[in-house]
Amino acid sequence: MINIDYNSRTPIYEQIVASIENLVATGVLEPNTQIASIRELAISLSINPNTVKKAYDILESKNIIVSKSTKGTFISENVNEAKKAKIAQLFLTLDKTITELETLGVSKTEISKKITK
């Protein structure tokens, strides 16, 4: 489920965060779904457990996951907020891209055609 690009300049913990956010946003991981423990994920990805811990800490601070002592780590019931935040982030990225395209002389009509495809 989580794929890591070991050649990417993006830190591995950020790739884990982005992967889990995308899985939640697309509905693959639903609220209250248990996810792999830090140790299990570290072993399956062949990475240091501290890297997974850092990613899980970020996800927990964003209320995407919840750790329940002795029970495991679960997708939060408040993932709709996480979805909204991800959508807002993507729209912000889109706005920046459109502005950059317009600065490069691409017409709004051409941009609109590409978006509707």
N, C-alpha and C. Protein backbone atom coordinates (compact mmCIF):
# COMPACT_ATOMS: atom_id res chain seq x y z
N MET A 1 0.81 -1.19 0.00
CA MET A 1 0.00 0.00 0.00
C MET A 1 0.86 1.26 0.00
N ILE A 2 1.91 1.27 0.78
CA ILE A 2 2.78 2.43 0.84
C ILE A 2 4.03 2.12 0.05
N ASN A 3 4.28 2.94 -0.96
CA ASN A 3 5.47 2.77 -1.79
C ASN A 3 6.43 3.91 -1.51
N ILE A 4 7.68 3.57 -1.33
CA ILE A 4 8.71 4.55 -1.05
C ILE A 4 9.67 4.62 -2.23
N ASP A 5 9.98 5.83 -2.66
CA ASP A 5 10.98 6.05 -3.69
C ASP A 5 12.28 6.39 -2.98
N TYR A 6 13.15 5.42 -2.87
CA TYR A 6 14.39 5.61 -2.12
C TYR A 6 15.36 6.55 -2.84
N ASN A 7 15.11 6.82 -4.11
CA ASN A 7 15.97 7.73 -4.88
C ASN A 7 15.44 9.16 -4.86
N SER A 8 14.27 9.36 -4.30
CA SER A 8 13.66 10.69 -4.26
C SER A 8 14.39 11.59 -3.26
N ARG A 9 14.35 12.88 -3.53
CA ARG A 9 14.92 13.85 -2.60
C ARG A 9 13.96 14.13 -1.45
N THR A 10 12.70 13.71 -1.60
CA THR A 10 11.71 13.88 -0.53
C THR A 10 12.04 12.89 0.58
N PRO A 11 12.16 13.37 1.82
CA PRO A 11 12.46 12.46 2.93
C PRO A 11 11.44 11.33 3.03
N ILE A 12 11.91 10.18 3.46
CA ILE A 12 11.07 9.00 3.54
C ILE A 12 9.87 9.23 4.46
N TYR A 13 10.07 9.90 5.58
CA TYR A 13 8.95 10.12 6.49
C TYR A 13 7.87 10.97 5.82
N GLU A 14 8.27 11.94 4.99
CA GLU A 14 7.28 12.76 4.26
C GLU A 14 6.55 11.92 3.22
N GLN A 15 7.24 10.98 2.60
CA GLN A 15 6.59 10.08 1.64
C GLN A 15 5.55 9.20 2.34
N ILE A 16 5.87 8.75 3.54
CA ILE A 16 4.91 7.94 4.31
C ILE A 16 3.69 8.76 4.65
N VAL A 17 3.91 9.99 5.13
CA VAL A 17 2.80 10.88 5.47
C VAL A 17 1.92 11.11 4.25
N ALA A 18 2.54 11.45 3.12
CA ALA A 18 1.78 11.72 1.89
C ALA A 18 1.01 10.48 1.43
N SER A 19 1.63 9.31 1.53
CA SER A 19 0.96 8.08 1.10
C SER A 19 -0.27 7.79 1.94
N ILE A 20 -0.12 7.91 3.25
CA ILE A 20 -1.26 7.63 4.13
C ILE A 20 -2.34 8.69 3.94
N GLU A 21 -1.96 9.95 3.78
CA GLU A 21 -2.95 11.00 3.52
C GLU A 21 -3.72 10.71 2.24
N ASN A 22 -3.02 10.28 1.21
CA ASN A 22 -3.69 9.96 -0.06
C ASN A 22 -4.60 8.75 0.08
N LEU A 23 -4.17 7.74 0.81
CA LEU A 23 -5.01 6.56 1.02
C LEU A 23 -6.27 6.91 1.80
N VAL A 24 -6.15 7.83 2.73
CA VAL A 24 -7.32 8.29 3.49
C VAL A 24 -8.22 9.13 2.60
N ALA A 25 -7.62 10.06 1.85
CA ALA A 25 -8.39 10.97 1.00
C ALA A 25 -9.17 10.22 -0.07
N THR A 26 -8.60 9.14 -0.57
CA THR A 26 -9.27 8.37 -1.63
C THR A 26 -10.22 7.32 -1.08
N GLY A 27 -10.25 7.18 0.25
CA GLY A 27 -11.18 6.23 0.85
C GLY A 27 -10.66 4.81 0.96
N VAL A 28 -9.42 4.59 0.59
CA VAL A 28 -8.85 3.25 0.72
C VAL A 28 -8.72 2.89 2.19
N LEU A 29 -8.30 3.86 2.99
CA LEU A 29 -8.26 3.68 4.44
C LEU A 29 -9.41 4.46 5.04
N GLU A 30 -10.34 3.76 5.64
CA GLU A 30 -11.53 4.38 6.21
C GLU A 30 -11.35 4.60 7.71
N PRO A 31 -12.19 5.46 8.30
CA PRO A 31 -12.10 5.70 9.74
C PRO A 31 -12.15 4.40 10.54
N ASN A 32 -11.39 4.38 11.61
CA ASN A 32 -11.28 3.25 12.53
C ASN A 32 -10.59 2.02 11.96
N THR A 33 -9.98 2.15 10.78
CA THR A 33 -9.20 1.05 10.21
C THR A 33 -7.85 0.99 10.91
N GLN A 34 -7.46 -0.19 11.34
CA GLN A 34 -6.15 -0.33 11.98
C GLN A 34 -5.08 -0.36 10.91
N ILE A 35 -3.98 0.35 11.17
CA ILE A 35 -2.86 0.35 10.24
C ILE A 35 -1.68 -0.34 10.91
N ALA A 36 -0.65 -0.59 10.13
CA ALA A 36 0.53 -1.30 10.62
C ALA A 36 1.18 -0.56 11.79
N SER A 37 1.74 -1.32 12.70
CA SER A 37 2.47 -0.71 13.80
C SER A 37 3.75 -0.10 13.24
N ILE A 38 4.38 0.71 14.05
CA ILE A 38 5.64 1.34 13.64
C ILE A 38 6.65 0.27 13.25
N ARG A 39 6.78 -0.72 14.08
CA ARG A 39 7.76 -1.78 13.81
C ARG A 39 7.41 -2.57 12.54
N GLU A 40 6.13 -2.92 12.39
CA GLU A 40 5.71 -3.68 11.20
C GLU A 40 5.98 -2.91 9.92
N LEU A 41 5.62 -1.62 9.92
CA LEU A 41 5.83 -0.81 8.72
C LEU A 41 7.31 -0.64 8.44
N ALA A 42 8.10 -0.42 9.48
CA ALA A 42 9.55 -0.27 9.30
C ALA A 42 10.16 -1.53 8.69
N ILE A 43 9.72 -2.68 9.16
CA ILE A 43 10.24 -3.95 8.62
C ILE A 43 9.81 -4.13 7.17
N SER A 44 8.54 -3.85 6.88
CA SER A 44 8.04 -4.07 5.51
C SER A 44 8.68 -3.11 4.50
N LEU A 45 9.07 -1.91 4.98
CA LEU A 45 9.70 -0.93 4.07
C LEU A 45 11.23 -0.96 4.16
N SER A 46 11.75 -1.80 5.05
CA SER A 46 13.20 -1.90 5.28
C SER A 46 13.82 -0.55 5.65
N ILE A 47 13.17 0.12 6.62
CA ILE A 47 13.67 1.42 7.06
C ILE A 47 13.75 1.43 8.59
N ASN A 48 14.37 2.47 9.11
CA ASN A 48 14.51 2.63 10.54
C ASN A 48 13.15 2.92 11.19
N PRO A 49 12.84 2.27 12.29
CA PRO A 49 11.57 2.53 12.98
C PRO A 49 11.40 4.00 13.39
N ASN A 50 12.49 4.69 13.65
CA ASN A 50 12.40 6.11 14.02
C ASN A 50 11.83 6.96 12.89
N THR A 51 12.08 6.54 11.65
CA THR A 51 11.53 7.24 10.49
C THR A 51 10.02 7.09 10.45
N VAL A 52 9.54 5.89 10.69
CA VAL A 52 8.10 5.64 10.73
C VAL A 52 7.47 6.38 11.91
N LYS A 53 8.15 6.36 13.04
CA LYS A 53 7.66 7.07 14.23
C LYS A 53 7.47 8.55 13.92
N LYS A 54 8.42 9.15 13.24
CA LYS A 54 8.33 10.56 12.88
C LYS A 54 7.11 10.80 11.98
N ALA A 55 6.90 9.93 11.01
CA ALA A 55 5.75 10.06 10.11
C ALA A 55 4.45 9.91 10.89
N TYR A 56 4.38 8.92 11.76
CA TYR A 56 3.18 8.69 12.56
C TYR A 56 2.91 9.86 13.50
N ASP A 57 3.97 10.45 14.06
CA ASP A 57 3.79 11.62 14.92
C ASP A 57 3.16 12.78 14.15
N ILE A 58 3.61 12.98 12.92
CA ILE A 58 3.05 14.05 12.07
C ILE A 58 1.59 13.75 11.76
N LEU A 59 1.31 12.51 11.39
CA LEU A 59 -0.06 12.12 11.07
C LEU A 59 -0.97 12.25 12.28
N GLU A 60 -0.44 11.95 13.45
CA GLU A 60 -1.23 12.08 14.66
C GLU A 60 -1.49 13.55 14.98
N SER A 61 -0.51 14.40 14.74
CA SER A 61 -0.70 15.84 14.99
C SER A 61 -1.71 16.45 14.02
N LYS A 62 -1.87 15.82 12.85
CA LYS A 62 -2.86 16.27 11.86
C LYS A 62 -4.22 15.61 12.08
N ASN A 63 -4.34 14.80 13.12
CA ASN A 63 -5.57 14.07 13.44
C ASN A 63 -5.99 13.10 12.34
N ILE A 64 -5.02 12.53 11.66
CA ILE A 64 -5.31 11.54 10.63
C ILE A 64 -5.28 10.14 11.25
N ILE A 65 -4.37 9.94 12.20
CA ILE A 65 -4.31 8.67 12.89
C ILE A 65 -4.43 8.89 14.39
N VAL A 66 -4.80 7.84 15.08
CA VAL A 66 -4.92 7.86 16.53
C VAL A 66 -4.25 6.60 17.07
N SER A 67 -3.37 6.77 18.04
CA SER A 67 -2.74 5.62 18.69
C SER A 67 -3.51 5.29 19.95
N LYS A 68 -3.92 4.05 20.05
CA LYS A 68 -4.62 3.58 21.24
C LYS A 68 -3.70 2.58 21.92
N SER A 69 -3.26 2.94 23.13
CA SER A 69 -2.29 2.09 23.80
C SER A 69 -2.78 0.66 23.92
N THR A 70 -1.91 -0.24 23.66
CA THR A 70 -2.10 -1.70 23.67
C THR A 70 -3.03 -2.21 22.57
N LYS A 71 -3.70 -1.33 21.85
CA LYS A 71 -4.61 -1.79 20.78
C LYS A 71 -4.03 -1.56 19.40
N GLY A 72 -3.24 -0.50 19.22
CA GLY A 72 -2.63 -0.23 17.94
C GLY A 72 -2.90 1.18 17.45
N THR A 73 -2.65 1.37 16.17
CA THR A 73 -2.82 2.67 15.52
C THR A 73 -3.95 2.56 14.51
N PHE A 74 -4.84 3.55 14.55
CA PHE A 74 -6.04 3.52 13.73
C PHE A 74 -6.22 4.83 12.97
N ILE A 75 -6.95 4.75 11.87
CA ILE A 75 -7.33 5.96 11.14
C ILE A 75 -8.37 6.68 12.00
N SER A 76 -8.19 7.96 12.13
CA SER A 76 -9.06 8.78 12.98
C SER A 76 -10.48 8.84 12.43
N GLU A 77 -11.43 9.06 13.33
CA GLU A 77 -12.81 9.26 12.91
C GLU A 77 -13.00 10.62 12.26
N ASN A 78 -12.04 11.52 12.46
CA ASN A 78 -12.14 12.89 11.94
C ASN A 78 -11.40 13.06 10.61
N VAL A 79 -11.37 12.02 9.79
CA VAL A 79 -10.61 12.11 8.54
C VAL A 79 -11.23 13.07 7.54
N ASN A 80 -12.51 13.40 7.70
CA ASN A 80 -13.11 14.37 6.78
C ASN A 80 -12.39 15.70 6.86
N GLU A 81 -11.94 16.07 8.06
CA GLU A 81 -11.16 17.30 8.22
C GLU A 81 -9.84 17.17 7.48
N ALA A 82 -9.24 16.00 7.56
CA ALA A 82 -7.97 15.77 6.86
C ALA A 82 -8.18 15.84 5.35
N LYS A 83 -9.31 15.29 4.88
CA LYS A 83 -9.62 15.37 3.45
C LYS A 83 -9.78 16.81 3.00
N LYS A 84 -10.50 17.59 3.80
CA LYS A 84 -10.71 19.00 3.46
C LYS A 84 -9.39 19.74 3.41
N ALA A 85 -8.50 19.46 4.35
CA ALA A 85 -7.19 20.11 4.37
C ALA A 85 -6.37 19.73 3.14
N LYS A 86 -6.42 18.45 2.77
CA LYS A 86 -5.68 17.98 1.58
C LYS A 86 -6.23 18.63 0.32
N ILE A 87 -7.55 18.73 0.21
CA ILE A 87 -8.17 19.36 -0.95
C ILE A 87 -7.77 20.83 -1.03
N ALA A 88 -7.80 21.52 0.12
CA ALA A 88 -7.40 22.93 0.15
C ALA A 88 -5.95 23.09 -0.27
N GLN A 89 -5.11 22.18 0.18
CA GLN A 89 -3.69 22.22 -0.19
C GLN A 89 -3.52 22.03 -1.70
N LEU A 90 -4.26 21.08 -2.26
CA LEU A 90 -4.15 20.82 -3.70
C LEU A 90 -4.67 22.00 -4.53
N PHE A 91 -5.75 22.64 -4.06
CA PHE A 91 -6.25 23.82 -4.77
C PHE A 91 -5.24 24.96 -4.70
N LEU A 92 -4.56 25.10 -3.58
CA LEU A 92 -3.53 26.13 -3.46
C LEU A 92 -2.40 25.87 -4.44
N THR A 93 -2.00 24.62 -4.54
CA THR A 93 -0.97 24.23 -5.50
C THR A 93 -1.43 24.52 -6.93
N LEU A 94 -2.70 24.20 -7.21
CA LEU A 94 -3.26 24.46 -8.53
C LEU A 94 -3.26 25.96 -8.84
N ASP A 95 -3.66 26.76 -7.87
CA ASP A 95 -3.66 28.23 -8.06
C ASP A 95 -2.27 28.74 -8.39
N LYS A 96 -1.27 28.24 -7.67
CA LYS A 96 0.11 28.66 -7.92
C LYS A 96 0.57 28.24 -9.31
N THR A 97 0.19 27.02 -9.71
CA THR A 97 0.57 26.52 -11.03
C THR A 97 -0.08 27.35 -12.14
N ILE A 98 -1.35 27.66 -11.96
CA ILE A 98 -2.05 28.47 -12.96
C ILE A 98 -1.41 29.84 -13.07
N THR A 99 -1.09 30.45 -11.95
CA THR A 99 -0.44 31.77 -11.96
C THR A 99 0.90 31.68 -12.68
N GLU A 100 1.66 30.63 -12.42
CA GLU A 100 2.95 30.46 -13.07
C GLU A 100 2.80 30.26 -14.58
N LEU A 101 1.79 29.49 -14.97
CA LEU A 101 1.53 29.28 -16.40
C LEU A 101 1.16 30.60 -17.08
N GLU A 102 0.32 31.39 -16.42
CA GLU A 102 -0.08 32.68 -16.99
C GLU A 102 1.13 33.61 -17.10
N THR A 103 2.02 33.55 -16.13
CA THR A 103 3.24 34.36 -16.18
C THR A 103 4.11 33.96 -17.36
N LEU A 104 4.06 32.69 -17.72
CA LEU A 104 4.83 32.20 -18.86
C LEU A 104 4.12 32.43 -20.19
N GLY A 105 2.95 33.06 -20.14
CA GLY A 105 2.25 33.43 -21.36
C GLY A 105 1.21 32.44 -21.84
N VAL A 106 0.88 31.45 -21.06
CA VAL A 106 -0.14 30.48 -21.45
C VAL A 106 -1.51 31.13 -21.19
N SER A 107 -2.38 31.03 -22.19
CA SER A 107 -3.69 31.69 -22.07
C SER A 107 -4.61 30.92 -21.13
N LYS A 108 -5.59 31.65 -20.57
CA LYS A 108 -6.56 31.01 -19.68
C LYS A 108 -7.36 29.95 -20.42
N THR A 109 -7.62 30.18 -21.71
CA THR A 109 -8.35 29.21 -22.51
C THR A 109 -7.58 27.91 -22.62
N GLU A 110 -6.28 28.00 -22.88
CA GLU A 110 -5.45 26.82 -23.01
C GLU A 110 -5.35 26.07 -21.67
N ILE A 111 -5.21 26.82 -20.60
CA ILE A 111 -5.17 26.21 -19.26
C ILE A 111 -6.50 25.50 -18.97
N SER A 112 -7.59 26.15 -19.30
CA SER A 112 -8.91 25.57 -19.07
C SER A 112 -9.11 24.28 -19.86
N LYS A 113 -8.63 24.26 -21.10
CA LYS A 113 -8.73 23.06 -21.91
C LYS A 113 -7.97 21.90 -21.28
N LYS A 114 -6.78 22.17 -20.78
CA LYS A 114 -5.97 21.12 -20.15
C LYS A 114 -6.64 20.61 -18.87
N ILE A 115 -7.24 21.51 -18.12
CA ILE A 115 -7.86 21.11 -16.86
C ILE A 115 -9.09 20.25 -17.13
N THR A 116 -9.87 20.58 -18.14
CA THR A 116 -11.09 19.83 -18.43
C THR A 116 -10.81 18.45 -19.01
N LYS A 117 -9.60 18.23 -19.50
CA LYS A 117 -9.24 16.90 -20.01
C LYS A 117 -9.08 16.03 -18.85
